[in-house]
Amino acid sequence: MRKYECVYIISPTLEEEQVKAMVERFNNLVSQNGELESTEEWGRKKLAYEVQDQKEGYYVLMNFSANPDFPAELERNFKITEEVLKYLIVSKE
């Protein structure tokens, strides 16, 4: 198992309950395929540049351990979720 850090930005057009559900959904996905170490919700922040006509987004940071093939699956889930504006997954090693 390798250690990873992931930051993703959720669209600010969602209601607070929808954002919490989405964070929980990604946390569950990571927990099922690895070990979720921590999740930090940074909240709404201004973006450096517009993304999909949005000027701000809801930032979430996750630290987790998983097998090397899992980040590709997590990335696939981010890509098919329209409400995720941007994401970045990096290996900590």
Protein backbone atom coordinates (compact mmCIF):
# COMPACT_ATOMS: atom_id res chain seq x y z
CA MET A 1 0.00 0.00 0.00
CA ARG A 2 1.25 3.45 -0.93
CA LYS A 3 0.36 6.79 0.64
CA TYR A 4 -1.49 9.38 -1.45
CA GLU A 5 -2.77 12.91 -1.08
CA CYS A 6 -5.75 14.12 -3.07
CA VAL A 7 -7.32 17.57 -3.41
CA TYR A 8 -10.57 18.03 -5.26
CA ILE A 9 -12.82 21.03 -5.84
CA ILE A 10 -16.61 20.72 -5.84
CA SER A 11 -18.88 23.14 -7.69
CA PRO A 12 -20.19 25.96 -5.45
CA THR A 13 -23.67 25.68 -7.01
CA LEU A 14 -24.50 22.63 -4.84
CA GLU A 15 -26.40 22.88 -1.58
CA GLU A 16 -24.50 22.17 1.65
CA GLU A 17 -26.21 18.78 2.06
CA GLN A 18 -25.25 17.76 -1.49
CA VAL A 19 -21.61 18.73 -0.84
CA LYS A 20 -21.55 16.67 2.37
CA ALA A 21 -23.05 13.69 0.50
CA MET A 22 -20.41 13.96 -2.22
CA VAL A 23 -17.55 14.16 0.31
CA GLU A 24 -19.01 11.12 2.08
CA ARG A 25 -19.30 9.27 -1.26
CA PHE A 26 -15.60 9.77 -2.07
CA ASN A 27 -14.60 8.93 1.52
CA ASN A 28 -16.53 5.64 1.27
CA LEU A 29 -14.93 4.84 -2.09
CA VAL A 30 -11.46 5.31 -0.62
CA SER A 31 -12.34 3.33 2.54
CA GLN A 32 -13.59 0.39 0.46
CA ASN A 33 -10.38 0.24 -1.60
CA GLY A 34 -7.77 1.33 0.91
CA GLU A 35 -7.34 3.12 4.20
CA LEU A 36 -8.63 6.69 4.61
CA GLU A 37 -6.27 8.51 6.97
CA SER A 38 -7.86 11.97 7.05
CA THR A 39 -10.25 14.30 5.27
CA GLU A 40 -10.07 18.07 5.62
CA GLU A 41 -12.83 20.24 4.25
CA TRP A 42 -11.29 23.63 3.49
CA GLY A 43 -14.64 25.09 2.47
CA ARG A 44 -15.43 27.64 -0.23
CA LYS A 45 -12.44 29.47 -1.64
CA LYS A 46 -11.83 31.69 -4.62
CA LEU A 47 -10.25 29.96 -7.62
CA ALA A 48 -7.09 31.36 -9.21
CA TYR A 49 -8.90 31.35 -12.56
CA GLU A 50 -12.39 30.48 -13.77
CA VAL A 51 -13.15 26.79 -14.17
CA GLN A 52 -16.38 25.87 -15.99
CA ASP A 53 -17.56 29.48 -15.52
CA GLN A 54 -17.13 29.25 -11.72
CA LYS A 55 -15.06 31.75 -9.73
CA GLU A 56 -14.98 29.77 -6.49
CA GLY A 57 -15.21 26.17 -5.34
CA TYR A 58 -15.47 23.92 -2.30
CA TYR A 59 -12.04 22.44 -1.53
CA VAL A 60 -11.50 19.01 0.07
CA LEU A 61 -8.16 17.38 0.99
CA MET A 62 -7.87 13.60 1.53
CA ASN A 63 -4.90 11.58 2.74
CA PHE A 64 -5.12 7.83 2.19
CA SER A 65 -3.21 4.59 1.63
CA ALA A 66 -4.13 2.30 -1.23
CA ASN A 67 -2.78 -0.12 -3.81
CA PRO A 68 -1.03 1.54 -6.80
CA ASP A 69 -3.93 0.81 -9.17
CA PHE A 70 -6.60 2.55 -7.06
CA PRO A 71 -5.75 6.21 -7.92
CA ALA A 72 -6.75 5.51 -11.53
CA GLU A 73 -10.16 4.32 -10.34
CA LEU A 74 -10.56 7.37 -8.09
CA GLU A 75 -9.59 9.62 -11.02
CA ARG A 76 -12.20 7.89 -13.20
CA ASN A 77 -14.86 8.65 -10.59
CA PHE A 78 -13.81 12.31 -10.43
CA LYS A 79 -14.02 12.56 -14.23
CA ILE A 80 -17.55 11.17 -14.46
CA THR A 81 -18.84 13.37 -11.62
CA GLU A 82 -19.91 16.65 -13.22
CA GLU A 83 -19.88 18.54 -9.91
CA VAL A 84 -16.11 18.00 -9.47
CA LEU A 85 -14.40 20.97 -11.12
CA LYS A 86 -10.76 19.93 -10.60
CA TYR A 87 -8.78 17.26 -8.78
CA LEU A 88 -5.17 16.28 -8.16
CA ILE A 89 -3.88 12.96 -6.79
CA VAL A 90 -0.20 12.72 -5.83
CA SER A 91 1.90 9.97 -4.29
CA LYS A 92 3.56 11.03 -1.03
CA GLU A 93 6.63 8.86 -1.59
